[in-house]
């Protein structure tokens, strides 16, 4: 997703992932701003924990593109660890719109930590 958006002019990108930050940070000719939240590195290359949460809670996001490890109709959007889920919940809480990114294998799969409840059905 980051590679597809990397040439979109004027974006402000907030990420917990150094690889996503680098996808946007190579070419400054597009006038983008990139904010890496910081925190404690995980095995998946994301940054989570109190530092990341403190940074995220100071933000107001318009569009949030967020990848989930599992999507279960009854349990909602799930992450592999509680630290990732807590970070995901913080990001969701400061975003106006959530766009869920997931591989097809995530559907009807369970993971350890709930990140967001099942959305209500449309009216």
PDB file of N, CA and C in Angstrom:
ATOM      1  N   UNK A   1       0.824  -1.186   0.000  1.00  0.00           N
ATOM      2  CA  UNK A   1       0.000   0.000   0.000  1.00  0.00           C
ATOM      3  C   UNK A   1       0.872   1.254   0.000  1.00  0.00           C
ATOM      4  N   UNK A   2       1.918   1.236   0.808  1.00  0.00           N
ATOM      5  CA  UNK A   2       2.789   2.415   0.897  1.00  0.00           C
ATOM      6  C   UNK A   2       3.428   2.725  -0.454  1.00  0.00           C
ATOM      7  N   UNK A   3       3.887   1.693  -1.137  1.00  0.00           N
ATOM      8  CA  UNK A   3       4.506   1.921  -2.457  1.00  0.00           C
ATOM      9  C   UNK A   3       3.514   2.546  -3.432  1.00  0.00           C
ATOM     10  N   UNK A   4       2.233   2.168  -3.326  1.00  0.00           N
ATOM     11  CA  UNK A   4       1.223   2.724  -4.227  1.00  0.00           C
ATOM     12  C   UNK A   4       0.918   4.188  -3.931  1.00  0.00           C
ATOM     13  N   UNK A   5       1.088   4.597  -2.690  1.00  0.00           N
ATOM     14  CA  UNK A   5       0.806   5.985  -2.300  1.00  0.00           C
ATOM     15  C   UNK A   5       2.049   6.874  -2.278  1.00  0.00           C
ATOM     16  N   UNK A   6       3.212   6.293  -2.460  1.00  0.00           N
ATOM     17  CA  UNK A   6       4.474   7.017  -2.259  1.00  0.00           C
ATOM     18  C   UNK A   6       4.653   8.221  -3.180  1.00  0.00           C
ATOM     19  N   UNK A   7       3.967   8.252  -4.287  1.00  0.00           N
ATOM     20  CA  UNK A   7       4.104   9.387  -5.206  1.00  0.00           C
ATOM     21  C   UNK A   7       2.881  10.300  -5.199  1.00  0.00           C
ATOM     22  N   UNK A   8       2.078  10.195  -4.164  1.00  0.00           N
ATOM     23  CA  UNK A   8       0.920  11.072  -4.021  1.00  0.00           C
ATOM     24  C   UNK A   8       1.379  12.357  -3.352  1.00  0.00           C
ATOM     25  N   UNK A   9       1.253  13.485  -4.035  1.00  0.00           N
ATOM     26  CA  UNK A   9       1.773  14.735  -3.473  1.00  0.00           C
ATOM     27  C   UNK A   9       1.001  15.200  -2.235  1.00  0.00           C
ATOM     28  N   UNK A  10       1.744  15.808  -1.313  1.00  0.00           N
ATOM     29  CA  UNK A  10       1.154  16.495  -0.177  1.00  0.00           C
ATOM     30  C   UNK A  10       0.652  15.640   0.970  1.00  0.00           C
ATOM     31  N   UNK A  11       0.907  14.348   0.957  1.00  0.00           N
ATOM     32  CA  UNK A  11       0.430  13.495   2.044  1.00  0.00           C
ATOM     33  C   UNK A  11       1.214  13.740   3.328  1.00  0.00           C
ATOM     34  N   UNK A  12       0.514  13.624   4.436  1.00  0.00           N
ATOM     35  CA  UNK A  12       1.172  13.500   5.727  1.00  0.00           C
ATOM     36  C   UNK A  12       0.942  12.063   6.157  1.00  0.00           C
ATOM     37  N   UNK A  13       2.020  11.340   6.392  1.00  0.00           N
ATOM     38  CA  UNK A  13       1.961   9.914   6.699  1.00  0.00           C
ATOM     39  C   UNK A  13       2.412   9.705   8.136  1.00  0.00           C
ATOM     40  N   UNK A  14       1.596   9.001   8.912  1.00  0.00           N
ATOM     41  CA  UNK A  14       1.943   8.608  10.274  1.00  0.00           C
ATOM     42  C   UNK A  14       2.041   7.095  10.257  1.00  0.00           C
ATOM     43  N   UNK A  15       3.147   6.551  10.756  1.00  0.00           N
ATOM     44  CA  UNK A  15       3.323   5.106  10.712  1.00  0.00           C
ATOM     45  C   UNK A  15       4.083   4.606  11.933  1.00  0.00           C
ATOM     46  N   UNK A  16       3.839   3.346  12.255  1.00  0.00           N
ATOM     47  CA  UNK A  16       4.596   2.654  13.295  1.00  0.00           C
ATOM     48  C   UNK A  16       5.684   1.788  12.676  1.00  0.00           C
ATOM     49  N   UNK A  17       5.825   1.854  11.354  1.00  0.00           N
ATOM     50  CA  UNK A  17       6.726   0.970  10.620  1.00  0.00           C
ATOM     51  C   UNK A  17       7.849   1.732   9.931  1.00  0.00           C
ATOM     52  N   UNK A  18       9.098   1.453  10.281  1.00  0.00           N
ATOM     53  CA  UNK A  18      10.208   2.099   9.579  1.00  0.00           C
ATOM     54  C   UNK A  18      10.221   1.800   8.078  1.00  0.00           C
ATOM     55  N   UNK A  19       9.819   0.602   7.671  1.00  0.00           N
ATOM     56  CA  UNK A  19       9.821   0.295   6.233  1.00  0.00           C
ATOM     57  C   UNK A  19       8.782   1.137   5.487  1.00  0.00           C
ATOM     58  N   UNK A  20       7.637   1.408   6.119  1.00  0.00           N
ATOM     59  CA  UNK A  20       6.645   2.288   5.497  1.00  0.00           C
ATOM     60  C   UNK A  20       7.194   3.711   5.440  1.00  0.00           C
ATOM     61  N   UNK A  21       7.809   4.172   6.507  1.00  0.00           N
ATOM     62  CA  UNK A  21       8.394   5.518   6.517  1.00  0.00           C
ATOM     63  C   UNK A  21       9.425   5.665   5.402  1.00  0.00           C
ATOM     64  N   UNK A  22      10.245   4.658   5.197  1.00  0.00           N
ATOM     65  CA  UNK A  22      11.248   4.704   4.140  1.00  0.00           C
ATOM     66  C   UNK A  22      10.622   4.710   2.753  1.00  0.00           C
ATOM     67  N   UNK A  23       9.503   4.048   2.572  1.00  0.00           N
ATOM     68  CA  UNK A  23       8.833   4.039   1.273  1.00  0.00           C
ATOM     69  C   UNK A  23       8.423   5.456   0.869  1.00  0.00           C
ATOM     70  N   UNK A  24       8.104   6.295   1.836  1.00  0.00           N
ATOM     71  CA  UNK A  24       7.715   7.670   1.554  1.00  0.00           C
ATOM     72  C   UNK A  24       8.890   8.636   1.634  1.00  0.00           C
ATOM     73  N   UNK A  25       9.907   8.302   2.388  1.00  0.00           N
ATOM     74  CA  UNK A  25      10.965   9.255   2.683  1.00  0.00           C
ATOM     75  C   UNK A  25      12.064   9.393   1.655  1.00  0.00           C
ATOM     76  N   UNK A  26      12.083   8.551   0.625  1.00  0.00           N
ATOM     77  CA  UNK A  26      13.192   8.590  -0.334  1.00  0.00           C
ATOM     78  C   UNK A  26      13.163   9.793  -1.261  1.00  0.00           C
ATOM     79  N   UNK A  27      12.000  10.227  -1.665  1.00  0.00           N
ATOM     80  CA  UNK A  27      11.899  11.294  -2.661  1.00  0.00           C
ATOM     81  C   UNK A  27      11.084  12.449  -2.081  1.00  0.00           C
ATOM     82  N   UNK A  28      11.763  13.512  -1.723  1.00  0.00           N
ATOM     83  CA  UNK A  28      11.100  14.651  -1.091  1.00  0.00           C
ATOM     84  C   UNK A  28      10.409  15.579  -2.092  1.00  0.00           C
ATOM     85  N   UNK A  29      10.458  15.262  -3.384  1.00  0.00           N
ATOM     86  CA  UNK A  29       9.866  16.138  -4.392  1.00  0.00           C
ATOM     87  C   UNK A  29       8.338  16.127  -4.372  1.00  0.00           C
ATOM     88  N   UNK A  30       7.728  15.217  -3.637  1.00  0.00           N
ATOM     89  CA  UNK A  30       6.270  15.153  -3.574  1.00  0.00           C
ATOM     90  C   UNK A  30       5.689  15.951  -2.415  1.00  0.00           C
ATOM     91  N   UNK A  31       6.524  16.581  -1.619  1.00  0.00           N
ATOM     92  CA  UNK A  31       6.054  17.432  -0.532  1.00  0.00           C
ATOM     93  C   UNK A  31       5.329  16.692   0.571  1.00  0.00           C
ATOM     94  N   UNK A  32       5.741  15.477   0.833  1.00  0.00           N
ATOM     95  CA  UNK A  32       5.111  14.682   1.879  1.00  0.00           C
ATOM     96  C   UNK A  32       5.819  14.892   3.218  1.00  0.00           C
ATOM     97  N   UNK A  33       5.054  14.705   4.281  1.00  0.00           N
ATOM     98  CA  UNK A  33       5.606  14.727   5.627  1.00  0.00           C
ATOM     99  C   UNK A  33       5.417  13.329   6.203  1.00  0.00           C
ATOM    100  N   UNK A  34       6.477  12.771   6.804  1.00  0.00           N
ATOM    101  CA  UNK A  34       6.411  11.421   7.357  1.00  0.00           C
ATOM    102  C   UNK A  34       6.737  11.481   8.842  1.00  0.00           C
ATOM    103  N   UNK A  35       5.843  10.915   9.660  1.00  0.00           N
ATOM    104  CA  UNK A  35       6.037  10.853  11.103  1.00  0.00           C
ATOM    105  C   UNK A  35       6.107   9.392  11.515  1.00  0.00           C
ATOM    106  N   UNK A  36       7.215   8.984  12.072  1.00  0.00           N
ATOM    107  CA  UNK A  36       7.379   7.644  12.633  1.00  0.00           C
ATOM    108  C   UNK A  36       7.117   7.770  14.126  1.00  0.00           C
ATOM    109  N   UNK A  37       6.159   6.991  14.636  1.00  0.00           N
ATOM    110  CA  UNK A  37       5.692   7.174  16.012  1.00  0.00           C
ATOM    111  C   UNK A  37       6.742   6.879  17.073  1.00  0.00           C
ATOM    112  N   UNK A  38       7.689   6.014  16.760  1.00  0.00           N
ATOM    113  CA  UNK A  38       8.658   5.604  17.771  1.00  0.00           C
ATOM    114  C   UNK A  38       8.068   4.540  18.664  1.00  0.00           C
ATOM    115  N   UNK A  39       8.818   4.119  19.636  1.00  0.00           N
ATOM    116  CA  UNK A  39       8.354   3.093  20.553  1.00  0.00           C
ATOM    117  C   UNK A  39       9.339   1.953  20.645  1.00  0.00           C
ATOM    118  N   UNK A  40       8.841   0.799  21.039  1.00  0.00           N
ATOM    119  CA  UNK A  40       9.654  -0.397  21.196  1.00  0.00           C
ATOM    120  C   UNK A  40       9.488  -1.280  19.974  1.00  0.00           C
ATOM    121  N   UNK A  41      10.603  -1.669  19.362  1.00  0.00           N
ATOM    122  CA  UNK A  41      10.559  -2.485  18.150  1.00  0.00           C
ATOM    123  C   UNK A  41      10.055  -3.889  18.461  1.00  0.00           C
ATOM    124  N   UNK A  42       9.264  -4.432  17.543  1.00  0.00           N
ATOM    125  CA  UNK A  42       8.776  -5.797  17.660  1.00  0.00           C
ATOM    126  C   UNK A  42       9.419  -6.665  16.585  1.00  0.00           C
ATOM    127  N   UNK A  43       9.203  -7.960  16.675  1.00  0.00           N
ATOM    128  CA  UNK A  43       9.744  -8.892  15.695  1.00  0.00           C
ATOM    129  C   UNK A  43       9.183  -8.646  14.297  1.00  0.00           C
ATOM    130  N   UNK A  44       8.000  -8.026  14.197  1.00  0.00           N
ATOM    131  CA  UNK A  44       7.391  -7.760  12.898  1.00  0.00           C
ATOM    132  C   UNK A  44       7.847  -6.434  12.294  1.00  0.00           C
ATOM    133  N   UNK A  45       8.712  -5.705  12.999  1.00  0.00           N
ATOM    134  CA  UNK A  45       9.221  -4.448  12.469  1.00  0.00           C
ATOM    135  C   UNK A  45       8.354  -3.246  12.786  1.00  0.00           C
ATOM    136  N   UNK A  46       7.360  -3.416  13.613  1.00  0.00           N
ATOM    137  CA  UNK A  46       6.504  -2.307  14.037  1.00  0.00           C
ATOM    138  C   UNK A  46       7.046  -1.746  15.351  1.00  0.00           C
ATOM    139  N   UNK A  47       6.633  -0.512  15.657  1.00  0.00           N
ATOM    140  CA  UNK A  47       6.982   0.095  16.930  1.00  0.00           C
ATOM    141  C   UNK A  47       5.704   0.262  17.745  1.00  0.00           C
ATOM    142  N   UNK A  48       5.723  -0.233  18.973  1.00  0.00           N
ATOM    143  CA  UNK A  48       4.553  -0.236  19.851  1.00  0.00           C
ATOM    144  C   UNK A  48       4.970   0.231  21.238  1.00  0.00           C
ATOM    145  N   UNK A  49       4.020   0.238  22.157  1.00  0.00           N
ATOM    146  CA  UNK A  49       4.343   0.549  23.546  1.00  0.00           C
ATOM    147  C   UNK A  49       4.036   1.979  23.926  1.00  0.00           C
ATOM    148  N   UNK A  50       4.429   2.364  25.147  1.00  0.00           N
ATOM    149  CA  UNK A  50       4.055   3.669  25.702  1.00  0.00           C
ATOM    150  C   UNK A  50       4.498   4.867  24.871  1.00  0.00           C
ATOM    151  N   UNK A  51       5.673   4.817  24.272  1.00  0.00           N
ATOM    152  CA  UNK A  51       6.134   5.964  23.471  1.00  0.00           C
ATOM    153  C   UNK A  51       5.268   6.116  22.229  1.00  0.00           C
ATOM    154  N   UNK A  52       5.004   5.008  21.544  1.00  0.00           N
ATOM    155  CA  UNK A  52       4.132   5.053  20.361  1.00  0.00           C
ATOM    156  C   UNK A  52       2.739   5.548  20.740  1.00  0.00           C
ATOM    157  N   UNK A  53       2.199   5.032  21.849  1.00  0.00           N
ATOM    158  CA  UNK A  53       0.855   5.429  22.275  1.00  0.00           C
ATOM    159  C   UNK A  53       0.797   6.912  22.614  1.00  0.00           C
ATOM    160  N   UNK A  54       1.806   7.426  23.293  1.00  0.00           N
ATOM    161  CA  UNK A  54       1.826   8.851  23.652  1.00  0.00           C
ATOM    162  C   UNK A  54       1.848   9.720  22.399  1.00  0.00           C
ATOM    163  N   UNK A  55       2.600   9.310  21.398  1.00  0.00           N
ATOM    164  CA  UNK A  55       2.653  10.064  20.141  1.00  0.00           C
ATOM    165  C   UNK A  55       1.307  10.010  19.432  1.00  0.00           C
ATOM    166  N   UNK A  56       0.754   8.814  19.297  1.00  0.00           N
ATOM    167  CA  UNK A  56      -0.510   8.624  18.572  1.00  0.00           C
ATOM    168  C   UNK A  56      -1.636   9.425  19.217  1.00  0.00           C
ATOM    169  N   UNK A  57      -1.700   9.460  20.530  1.00  0.00           N
ATOM    170  CA  UNK A  57      -2.800  10.142  21.232  1.00  0.00           C
ATOM    171  C   UNK A  57      -2.791  11.658  21.034  1.00  0.00           C
ATOM    172  N   UNK A  58      -1.714  12.187  20.493  1.00  0.00           N
ATOM    173  CA  UNK A  58      -1.624  13.623  20.225  1.00  0.00           C
ATOM    174  C   UNK A  58      -2.048  13.972  18.801  1.00  0.00           C
ATOM    175  N   UNK A  59      -2.506  13.001  18.032  1.00  0.00           N
ATOM    176  CA  UNK A  59      -2.779  13.197  16.620  1.00  0.00           C
ATOM    177  C   UNK A  59      -4.269  13.213  16.314  1.00  0.00           C
ATOM    178  N   UNK A  60      -4.598  13.739  15.153  1.00  0.00           N
ATOM    179  CA  UNK A  60      -5.934  13.635  14.563  1.00  0.00           C
ATOM    180  C   UNK A  60      -5.719  13.209  13.118  1.00  0.00           C
ATOM    181  N   UNK A  61      -6.190  12.009  12.779  1.00  0.00           N
ATOM    182  CA  UNK A  61      -5.958  11.447  11.453  1.00  0.00           C
ATOM    183  C   UNK A  61      -7.238  11.452  10.635  1.00  0.00           C
ATOM    184  N   UNK A  62      -7.101  11.636   9.347  1.00  0.00           N
ATOM    185  CA  UNK A  62      -8.257  11.565   8.459  1.00  0.00           C
ATOM    186  C   UNK A  62      -8.471  10.122   8.008  1.00  0.00           C
ATOM    187  N   UNK A  63      -7.618   9.618   7.158  1.00  0.00           N
ATOM    188  CA  UNK A  63      -7.703   8.248   6.657  1.00  0.00           C
ATOM    189  C   UNK A  63      -6.665   7.389   7.367  1.00  0.00           C
ATOM    190  N   UNK A  64      -7.084   6.259   7.894  1.00  0.00           N
ATOM    191  CA  UNK A  64      -6.178   5.316   8.533  1.00  0.00           C
ATOM    192  C   UNK A  64      -6.215   4.013   7.751  1.00  0.00           C
ATOM    193  N   UNK A  65      -5.087   3.624   7.198  1.00  0.00           N
ATOM    194  CA  UNK A  65      -4.951   2.343   6.513  1.00  0.00           C
ATOM    195  C   UNK A  65      -4.246   1.411   7.493  1.00  0.00           C
ATOM    196  N   UNK A  66      -4.922   0.356   7.905  1.00  0.00           N
ATOM    197  CA  UNK A  66      -4.389  -0.490   8.963  1.00  0.00           C
ATOM    198  C   UNK A  66      -4.543  -1.957   8.581  1.00  0.00           C
ATOM    199  N   UNK A  67      -3.443  -2.697   8.689  1.00  0.00           N
ATOM    200  CA  UNK A  67      -3.459  -4.122   8.373  1.00  0.00           C
ATOM    201  C   UNK A  67      -3.790  -4.931   9.621  1.00  0.00           C
ATOM    202  N   UNK A  68      -4.623  -5.949   9.432  1.00  0.00           N
ATOM    203  CA  UNK A  68      -4.986  -6.840  10.532  1.00  0.00           C
ATOM    204  C   UNK A  68      -4.601  -8.270  10.192  1.00  0.00           C
ATOM    205  N   UNK A  69      -4.219  -9.006  11.230  1.00  0.00           N
ATOM    206  CA  UNK A  69      -3.796 -10.394  11.067  1.00  0.00           C
ATOM    207  C   UNK A  69      -4.971 -11.335  10.917  1.00  0.00           C
ATOM    208  N   UNK A  70      -6.111 -10.978  11.527  1.00  0.00           N
ATOM    209  CA  UNK A  70      -7.279 -11.848  11.499  1.00  0.00           C
ATOM    210  C   UNK A  70      -8.541 -11.002  11.545  1.00  0.00           C
ATOM    211  N   UNK A  71      -9.573 -11.516  10.856  1.00  0.00           N
ATOM    212  CA  UNK A  71     -10.877 -10.865  10.860  1.00  0.00           C
ATOM    213  C   UNK A  71     -11.909 -11.951  11.103  1.00  0.00           C
ATOM    214  N   UNK A  72     -12.586 -11.834  12.227  1.00  0.00           N
ATOM    215  CA  UNK A  72     -13.578 -12.824  12.594  1.00  0.00           C
ATOM    216  C   UNK A  72     -14.937 -12.134  12.696  1.00  0.00           C
ATOM    217  N   UNK A  73     -15.990 -12.694  12.072  1.00  0.00           N
ATOM    218  CA  UNK A  73     -17.298 -12.033  12.105  1.00  0.00           C
ATOM    219  C   UNK A  73     -17.820 -11.773  13.522  1.00  0.00           C
ATOM    220  N   UNK A  74     -17.504 -12.629  14.460  1.00  0.00           N
ATOM    221  CA  UNK A  74     -17.999 -12.452  15.825  1.00  0.00           C
ATOM    222  C   UNK A  74     -17.065 -11.621  16.701  1.00  0.00           C
ATOM    223  N   UNK A  75     -15.764 -11.756  16.516  1.00  0.00           N
ATOM    224  CA  UNK A  75     -14.792 -11.091  17.401  1.00  0.00           C
ATOM    225  C   UNK A  75     -14.254  -9.790  16.832  1.00  0.00           C
ATOM    226  N   UNK A  76     -14.392  -9.551  15.547  1.00  0.00           N
ATOM    227  CA  UNK A  76     -13.923  -8.307  14.957  1.00  0.00           C
ATOM    228  C   UNK A  76     -12.533  -8.416  14.360  1.00  0.00           C
ATOM    229  N   UNK A  77     -11.787  -7.313  14.454  1.00  0.00           N
ATOM    230  CA  UNK A  77     -10.439  -7.205  13.892  1.00  0.00           C
ATOM    231  C   UNK A  77      -9.436  -7.586  14.970  1.00  0.00           C
ATOM    232  N   UNK A  78      -8.514  -8.476  14.632  1.00  0.00           N
ATOM    233  CA  UNK A  78      -7.624  -9.053  15.633  1.00  0.00           C
ATOM    234  C   UNK A  78      -6.158  -8.911  15.232  1.00  0.00           C
ATOM    235  N   UNK A  79      -5.307  -8.825  16.252  1.00  0.00           N
ATOM    236  CA  UNK A  79      -3.860  -8.749  16.065  1.00  0.00           C
ATOM    237  C   UNK A  79      -3.193  -9.926  16.759  1.00  0.00           C
ATOM    238  N   UNK A  80      -1.947 -10.173  16.392  1.00  0.00           N
ATOM    239  CA  UNK A  80      -1.220 -11.316  16.951  1.00  0.00           C
ATOM    240  C   UNK A  80      -0.750 -11.091  18.378  1.00  0.00           C
ATOM    241  N   UNK A  81      -0.639  -9.838  18.798  1.00  0.00           N
ATOM    242  CA  UNK A  81      -0.164  -9.572  20.159  1.00  0.00           C
ATOM    243  C   UNK A  81      -0.980  -8.445  20.782  1.00  0.00           C
ATOM    244  N   UNK A  82      -0.987  -8.426  22.107  1.00  0.00           N
ATOM    245  CA  UNK A  82      -1.709  -7.366  22.818  1.00  0.00           C
ATOM    246  C   UNK A  82      -1.071  -6.004  22.574  1.00  0.00           C
ATOM    247  N   UNK A  83       0.240  -5.955  22.443  1.00  0.00           N
ATOM    248  CA  UNK A  83       0.915  -4.671  22.191  1.00  0.00           C
ATOM    249  C   UNK A  83       0.512  -4.107  20.829  1.00  0.00           C
ATOM    250  N   UNK A  84       0.439  -4.963  19.811  1.00  0.00           N
ATOM    251  CA  UNK A  84      -0.009  -4.502  18.496  1.00  0.00           C
ATOM    252  C   UNK A  84      -1.475  -4.063  18.548  1.00  0.00           C
ATOM    253  N   UNK A  85      -2.301  -4.840  19.235  1.00  0.00           N
ATOM    254  CA  UNK A  85      -3.727  -4.507  19.334  1.00  0.00           C
ATOM    255  C   UNK A  85      -3.932  -3.177  20.044  1.00  0.00           C
ATOM    256  N   UNK A  86      -3.185  -2.931  21.103  1.00  0.00           N
ATOM    257  CA  UNK A  86      -3.304  -1.665  21.829  1.00  0.00           C
ATOM    258  C   UNK A  86      -2.914  -0.489  20.936  1.00  0.00           C
ATOM    259  N   UNK A  87      -1.875  -0.653  20.157  1.00  0.00           N
ATOM    260  CA  UNK A  87      -1.444   0.390  19.225  1.00  0.00           C
ATOM    261  C   UNK A  87      -2.506   0.595  18.148  1.00  0.00           C
ATOM    262  N   UNK A  88      -3.047  -0.499  17.620  1.00  0.00           N
ATOM    263  CA  UNK A  88      -4.115  -0.394  16.616  1.00  0.00           C
ATOM    264  C   UNK A  88      -5.317   0.345  17.174  1.00  0.00           C
ATOM    265  N   UNK A  89      -5.731   0.023  18.394  1.00  0.00           N
ATOM    266  CA  UNK A  89      -6.875   0.704  19.008  1.00  0.00           C
ATOM    267  C   UNK A  89      -6.611   2.201  19.166  1.00  0.00           C
ATOM    268  N   UNK A  90      -5.397   2.551  19.545  1.00  0.00           N
ATOM    269  CA  UNK A  90      -5.055   3.970  19.687  1.00  0.00           C
ATOM    270  C   UNK A  90      -5.147   4.685  18.340  1.00  0.00           C
ATOM    271  N   UNK A  91      -4.624   4.065  17.292  1.00  0.00           N
ATOM    272  CA  UNK A  91      -4.706   4.662  15.961  1.00  0.00           C
ATOM    273  C   UNK A  91      -6.158   4.828  15.517  1.00  0.00           C
ATOM    274  N   UNK A  92      -6.967   3.801  15.732  1.00  0.00           N
ATOM    275  CA  UNK A  92      -8.378   3.858  15.354  1.00  0.00           C
ATOM    276  C   UNK A  92      -9.091   4.980  16.102  1.00  0.00           C
ATOM    277  N   UNK A  93      -8.737   5.179  17.368  1.00  0.00           N
ATOM    278  CA  UNK A  93      -9.424   6.186  18.192  1.00  0.00           C
ATOM    279  C   UNK A  93      -9.156   7.618  17.725  1.00  0.00           C
ATOM    280  N   UNK A  94      -8.071   7.855  17.010  1.00  0.00           N
ATOM    281  CA  UNK A  94      -7.758   9.212  16.555  1.00  0.00           C
ATOM    282  C   UNK A  94      -8.040   9.410  15.071  1.00  0.00           C
ATOM    283  N   UNK A  95      -8.620   8.403  14.429  1.00  0.00           N
ATOM    284  CA  UNK A  95      -8.869   8.482  12.988  1.00  0.00           C
ATOM    285  C   UNK A  95     -10.333   8.735  12.682  1.00  0.00           C
ATOM    286  N   UNK A  96     -10.562   9.493  11.647  1.00  0.00           N
ATOM    287  CA  UNK A  96     -11.916   9.752  11.177  1.00  0.00           C
ATOM    288  C   UNK A  96     -12.448   8.556  10.383  1.00  0.00           C
ATOM    289  N   UNK A  97     -11.604   7.964   9.532  1.00  0.00           N
ATOM    290  CA  UNK A  97     -12.004   6.843   8.675  1.00  0.00           C
ATOM    291  C   UNK A  97     -10.976   5.730   8.769  1.00  0.00           C
ATOM    292  N   UNK A  98     -11.448   4.494   8.865  1.00  0.00           N
ATOM    293  CA  UNK A  98     -10.579   3.321   8.894  1.00  0.00           C
ATOM    294  C   UNK A  98     -10.746   2.542   7.603  1.00  0.00           C
ATOM    295  N   UNK A  99      -9.633   2.255   6.947  1.00  0.00           N
ATOM    296  CA  UNK A  99      -9.606   1.370   5.792  1.00  0.00           C
ATOM    297  C   UNK A  99      -8.841   0.127   6.227  1.00  0.00           C
ATOM    298  N   UNK A 100      -9.521  -1.013   6.217  1.00  0.00           N
ATOM    299  CA  UNK A 100      -8.928  -2.265   6.681  1.00  0.00           C
ATOM    300  C   UNK A 100      -8.150  -2.912   5.541  1.00  0.00           C
ATOM    301  N   UNK A 101      -6.896  -3.230   5.829  1.00  0.00           N
ATOM    302  CA  UNK A 101      -6.057  -3.973   4.893  1.00  0.00           C
ATOM    303  C   UNK A 101      -5.857  -5.362   5.470  1.00  0.00           C
ATOM    304  N   UNK A 102      -6.069  -6.389   4.642  1.00  0.00           N
ATOM    305  CA  UNK A 102      -5.900  -7.760   5.121  1.00  0.00           C
ATOM    306  C   UNK A 102      -5.717  -8.697   3.929  1.00  0.00           C
ATOM    307  N   UNK A 103      -4.938  -9.724   4.155  1.00  0.00           N
ATOM    308  CA  UNK A 103      -4.830 -10.786   3.163  1.00  0.00           C
ATOM    309  C   UNK A 103      -6.100 -11.625   3.224  1.00  0.00           C
ATOM    310  N   UNK A 104      -6.382 -12.338   2.135  1.00  0.00           N
ATOM    311  CA  UNK A 104      -7.582 -13.180   2.114  1.00  0.00           C
ATOM    312  C   UNK A 104      -7.543 -14.232   3.219  1.00  0.00           C
ATOM    313  N   UNK A 105      -6.357 -14.636   3.626  1.00  0.00           N
ATOM    314  CA  UNK A 105      -6.232 -15.655   4.672  1.00  0.00           C
ATOM    315  C   UNK A 105      -6.638 -15.138   6.056  1.00  0.00           C
ATOM    316  N   UNK A 106      -6.813 -13.836   6.208  1.00  0.00           N
ATOM    317  CA  UNK A 106      -7.210 -13.268   7.500  1.00  0.00           C
ATOM    318  C   UNK A 106      -8.695 -13.466   7.789  1.00  0.00           C
ATOM    319  N   UNK A 107      -9.507 -13.672   6.769  1.00  0.00           N
ATOM    320  CA  UNK A 107     -10.954 -13.798   6.958  1.00  0.00           C
ATOM    321  C   UNK A 107     -11.299 -15.081   7.693  1.00  0.00           C
ATOM    322  N   UNK A 108     -12.211 -14.963   8.639  1.00  0.00           N
ATOM    323  CA  UNK A 108     -12.669 -16.089   9.458  1.00  0.00           C
ATOM    324  C   UNK A 108     -11.515 -16.781  10.175  1.00  0.00           C
ATOM    325  N   UNK A 109     -10.528 -15.988  10.560  1.00  0.00           N
ATOM    326  CA  UNK A 109      -9.368 -16.479  11.291  1.00  0.00           C
ATOM    327  C   UNK A 109      -9.356 -15.804  12.655  1.00  0.00           C
ATOM    328  N   UNK A 110      -8.877 -16.511  13.649  1.00  0.00           N
ATOM    329  CA  UNK A 110      -8.746 -15.920  14.976  1.00  0.00           C
ATOM    330  C   UNK A 110      -7.281 -15.609  15.260  1.00  0.00           C
ATOM    331  N   UNK A 111      -7.060 -14.570  16.019  1.00  0.00           N
ATOM    332  CA  UNK A 111      -5.738 -14.230  16.535  1.00  0.00           C
ATOM    333  C   UNK A 111      -5.933 -13.880  18.003  1.00  0.00           C
ATOM    334  N   UNK A 112      -4.853 -13.693  18.695  1.00  0.00           N
ATOM    335  CA  UNK A 112      -4.865 -13.556  20.147  1.00  0.00           C
ATOM    336  C   UNK A 112      -5.607 -12.332  20.677  1.00  0.00           C
ATOM    337  N   UNK A 113      -5.380 -11.183  20.066  1.00  0.00           N
ATOM    338  CA  UNK A 113      -5.774  -9.929  20.708  1.00  0.00           C
ATOM    339  C   UNK A 113      -6.769  -9.111  19.882  1.00  0.00           C
ATOM    340  N   UNK A 114      -7.939  -8.825  20.435  1.00  0.00           N
ATOM    341  CA  UNK A 114      -8.907  -7.971  19.725  1.00  0.00           C
ATOM    342  C   UNK A 114      -8.370  -6.549  19.596  1.00  0.00           C
ATOM    343  N   UNK A 115      -8.428  -6.022  18.383  1.00  0.00           N
ATOM    344  CA  UNK A 115      -7.972  -4.655  18.127  1.00  0.00           C
ATOM    345  C   UNK A 115      -9.141  -3.720  17.900  1.00  0.00           C
ATOM    346  N   UNK A 116     -10.223  -4.235  17.319  1.00  0.00           N
ATOM    347  CA  UNK A 116     -11.405  -3.420  17.082  1.00  0.00           C
ATOM    348  C   UNK A 116     -12.612  -4.350  17.040  1.00  0.00           C
ATOM    349  N   UNK A 117     -13.726  -3.914  17.614  1.00  0.00           N
ATOM    350  CA  UNK A 117     -14.900  -4.773  17.612  1.00  0.00           C
ATOM    351  C   UNK A 117     -15.479  -4.933  16.209  1.00  0.00           C
ATOM    352  N   UNK A 118     -16.329  -5.895  16.083  1.00  0.00           N
ATOM    353  CA  UNK A 118     -17.036  -6.099  14.827  1.00  0.00           C
ATOM    354  C   UNK A 118     -17.846  -4.852  14.540  1.00  0.00           C
ATOM    355  N   UNK A 119     -17.745  -4.298  13.316  1.00  0.00           N
ATOM    356  CA  UNK A 119     -18.526  -3.089  13.024  1.00  0.00           C
ATOM    357  C   UNK A 119     -20.008  -3.419  12.981  1.00  0.00           C
ATOM    358  N   UNK A 120     -20.837  -2.465  13.373  1.00  0.00           N
ATOM    359  CA  UNK A 120     -22.285  -2.694  13.300  1.00  0.00           C
ATOM    360  C   UNK A 120     -22.722  -2.775  11.847  1.00  0.00           C
ATOM    361  N   UNK A 121     -23.832  -3.456  11.582  1.00  0.00           N
ATOM    362  CA  UNK A 121     -24.319  -3.505  10.201  1.00  0.00           C
ATOM    363  C   UNK A 121     -24.775  -2.130   9.749  1.00  0.00           C
ATOM    364  N   UNK A 122     -24.699  -1.858   8.444  1.00  0.00           N
ATOM    365  CA  UNK A 122     -25.149  -0.551   7.953  1.00  0.00           C
ATOM    366  C   UNK A 122     -26.642  -0.359   8.218  1.00  0.00           C
ATOM    367  N   UNK A 123     -27.074   0.888   8.412  1.00  0.00           N
ATOM    368  CA  UNK A 123     -28.494   1.154   8.694  1.00  0.00           C
ATOM    369  C   UNK A 123     -29.376   0.812   7.507  1.00  0.00           C
TER     370      UNK A 123
END
